[in-house]
Amino acid sequence: MWVITKDSLYKKGITERSDVGISSRDYVEGSELPYRFRLLDDDRIIYYYGKSSTDDDFEPQDWGMWNAGVTMIQYYNPSLKQWETL
């Protein structure tokens, strides 16, 4: 389960509507989503940030590919304090 929490494309004025709140079908508002992810393009430009119930879910990337041409998903590793590409 996942949800988009920040839309960098909208914030920069690239798109006319925000995708904040877009989520997986099984997402329930208020659900615990402990893992942070971000979606990037080939040039490593960050398009979206979100939260997920797992740290190995490619579903947000699949949505981002269709929606905006995203090609990469990274999850934040709090132990290493860095983003890791899946």
C-alpha atoms as a PDB file:
ATOM      1  CA  MET A   1       0.000   0.000   0.000  1.00  0.00           C
ATOM      2  CA  TRP A   2       1.334   3.463  -0.868  1.00  0.00           C
ATOM      3  CA  VAL A   3       0.427   7.140  -1.263  1.00  0.00           C
ATOM      4  CA  ILE A   4       2.001  10.151  -2.982  1.00  0.00           C
ATOM      5  CA  THR A   5       2.828  12.877  -0.423  1.00  0.00           C
ATOM      6  CA  LYS A   6       4.630  15.487  -2.539  1.00  0.00           C
ATOM      7  CA  ASP A   7       4.345  16.339  -6.234  1.00  0.00           C
ATOM      8  CA  SER A   8       7.441  18.206  -7.423  1.00  0.00           C
ATOM      9  CA  LEU A   9       6.075  18.622 -10.956  1.00  0.00           C
ATOM     10  CA  TYR A  10       3.039  20.513  -9.715  1.00  0.00           C
ATOM     11  CA  LYS A  11       5.046  22.547  -7.219  1.00  0.00           C
ATOM     12  CA  LYS A  12       7.350  23.721 -10.050  1.00  0.00           C
ATOM     13  CA  GLY A  13       4.362  24.600 -12.257  1.00  0.00           C
ATOM     14  CA  ILE A  14       5.081  21.850 -14.786  1.00  0.00           C
ATOM     15  CA  THR A  15       1.650  20.236 -14.373  1.00  0.00           C
ATOM     16  CA  GLU A  16      -1.733  21.859 -13.811  1.00  0.00           C
ATOM     17  CA  ARG A  17      -2.964  19.503 -11.103  1.00  0.00           C
ATOM     18  CA  SER A  18      -1.338  17.936  -8.080  1.00  0.00           C
ATOM     19  CA  ASP A  19      -1.050  14.167  -7.699  1.00  0.00           C
ATOM     20  CA  VAL A  20      -0.692  14.383  -3.908  1.00  0.00           C
ATOM     21  CA  GLY A  21      -3.052  11.825  -2.412  1.00  0.00           C
ATOM     22  CA  ILE A  22      -2.901   9.407  -5.359  1.00  0.00           C
ATOM     23  CA  SER A  23      -2.573   5.958  -3.822  1.00  0.00           C
ATOM     24  CA  SER A  24      -2.828   2.234  -4.289  1.00  0.00           C
ATOM     25  CA  ARG A  25      -6.327   0.770  -4.328  1.00  0.00           C
ATOM     26  CA  ASP A  26      -5.847  -0.831  -0.920  1.00  0.00           C
ATOM     27  CA  TYR A  27      -4.700   2.408   0.763  1.00  0.00           C
ATOM     28  CA  VAL A  28      -6.810   3.532   3.712  1.00  0.00           C
ATOM     29  CA  GLU A  29      -6.285   7.081   4.954  1.00  0.00           C
ATOM     30  CA  GLY A  30      -4.449   7.036   8.258  1.00  0.00           C
ATOM     31  CA  SER A  31      -2.728   3.716   7.530  1.00  0.00           C
ATOM     32  CA  GLU A  32       0.757   3.309   8.931  1.00  0.00           C
ATOM     33  CA  LEU A  33       3.208   3.717   6.065  1.00  0.00           C
ATOM     34  CA  PRO A  34       6.694   3.662   7.602  1.00  0.00           C
ATOM     35  CA  TYR A  35       8.770   3.583   4.405  1.00  0.00           C
ATOM     36  CA  ARG A  36       9.599   6.700   2.384  1.00  0.00           C
ATOM     37  CA  PHE A  37      10.165   6.553  -1.362  1.00  0.00           C
ATOM     38  CA  ARG A  38      10.782   8.945  -4.214  1.00  0.00           C
ATOM     39  CA  LEU A  39      10.223   8.583  -7.954  1.00  0.00           C
ATOM     40  CA  LEU A  40      12.745   9.916 -10.472  1.00  0.00           C
ATOM     41  CA  ASP A  41      13.298  10.147 -14.214  1.00  0.00           C
ATOM     42  CA  ASP A  42      16.375   9.071 -16.234  1.00  0.00           C
ATOM     43  CA  ASP A  43      18.136  12.337 -15.404  1.00  0.00           C
ATOM     44  CA  ARG A  44      17.590  11.656 -11.678  1.00  0.00           C
ATOM     45  CA  ILE A  45      15.130  14.524 -11.377  1.00  0.00           C
ATOM     46  CA  ILE A  46      12.733  13.826  -8.517  1.00  0.00           C
ATOM     47  CA  TYR A  47       9.087  13.918  -9.595  1.00  0.00           C
ATOM     48  CA  TYR A  48       7.274  12.551  -6.540  1.00  0.00           C
ATOM     49  CA  TYR A  49       7.733  11.600  -2.904  1.00  0.00           C
ATOM     50  CA  GLY A  50       5.570   9.110  -1.070  1.00  0.00           C
ATOM     51  CA  LYS A  51       5.141   6.600   1.711  1.00  0.00           C
ATOM     52  CA  SER A  52       4.689   2.849   1.516  1.00  0.00           C
ATOM     53  CA  SER A  53       3.884  -0.112   3.724  1.00  0.00           C
ATOM     54  CA  THR A  54       6.935  -1.991   2.373  1.00  0.00           C
ATOM     55  CA  ASP A  55      10.401  -0.978   1.215  1.00  0.00           C
ATOM     56  CA  ASP A  56      10.429  -3.094  -1.944  1.00  0.00           C
ATOM     57  CA  ASP A  57       7.191  -2.200  -3.746  1.00  0.00           C
ATOM     58  CA  PHE A  58       7.488  -1.267  -7.440  1.00  0.00           C
ATOM     59  CA  GLU A  59       3.786  -0.381  -7.803  1.00  0.00           C
ATOM     60  CA  PRO A  60       4.379   3.366  -7.230  1.00  0.00           C
ATOM     61  CA  GLN A  61       7.008   3.295 -10.004  1.00  0.00           C
ATOM     62  CA  ASP A  62       4.564   1.546 -12.339  1.00  0.00           C
ATOM     63  CA  TRP A  63       2.018   4.301 -11.677  1.00  0.00           C
ATOM     64  CA  GLY A  64       4.687   7.003 -12.142  1.00  0.00           C
ATOM     65  CA  MET A  65       5.854   5.490 -15.457  1.00  0.00           C
ATOM     66  CA  TRP A  66       2.355   5.697 -16.850  1.00  0.00           C
ATOM     67  CA  ASN A  67       1.583   9.088 -15.315  1.00  0.00           C
ATOM     68  CA  ALA A  68       4.809  11.053 -15.851  1.00  0.00           C
ATOM     69  CA  GLY A  69       7.584   8.947 -17.369  1.00  0.00           C
ATOM     70  CA  VAL A  70       9.211   7.945 -14.084  1.00  0.00           C
ATOM     71  CA  THR A  71      11.975   5.363 -14.564  1.00  0.00           C
ATOM     72  CA  MET A  72      13.334   4.836 -11.057  1.00  0.00           C
ATOM     73  CA  ILE A  73      12.184   4.328  -7.480  1.00  0.00           C
ATOM     74  CA  GLN A  74      14.343   4.879  -4.413  1.00  0.00           C
ATOM     75  CA  TYR A  75      13.569   4.010  -0.801  1.00  0.00           C
ATOM     76  CA  TYR A  76      15.133   5.805   2.137  1.00  0.00           C
ATOM     77  CA  ASN A  77      17.324   3.624   4.338  1.00  0.00           C
ATOM     78  CA  PRO A  78      17.291   5.221   7.803  1.00  0.00           C
ATOM     79  CA  SER A  79      20.173   3.037   9.032  1.00  0.00           C
ATOM     80  CA  LEU A  80      22.473   4.324   6.293  1.00  0.00           C
ATOM     81  CA  LYS A  81      20.748   7.724   6.079  1.00  0.00           C
ATOM     82  CA  GLN A  82      20.618   7.545   2.293  1.00  0.00           C
ATOM     83  CA  TRP A  83      18.321   6.795  -0.630  1.00  0.00           C
ATOM     84  CA  GLU A  84      18.713   3.365  -2.277  1.00  0.00           C
ATOM     85  CA  THR A  85      17.624   2.562  -5.832  1.00  0.00           C
ATOM     86  CA  LEU A  86      15.722  -0.674  -6.339  1.00  0.00           C
END
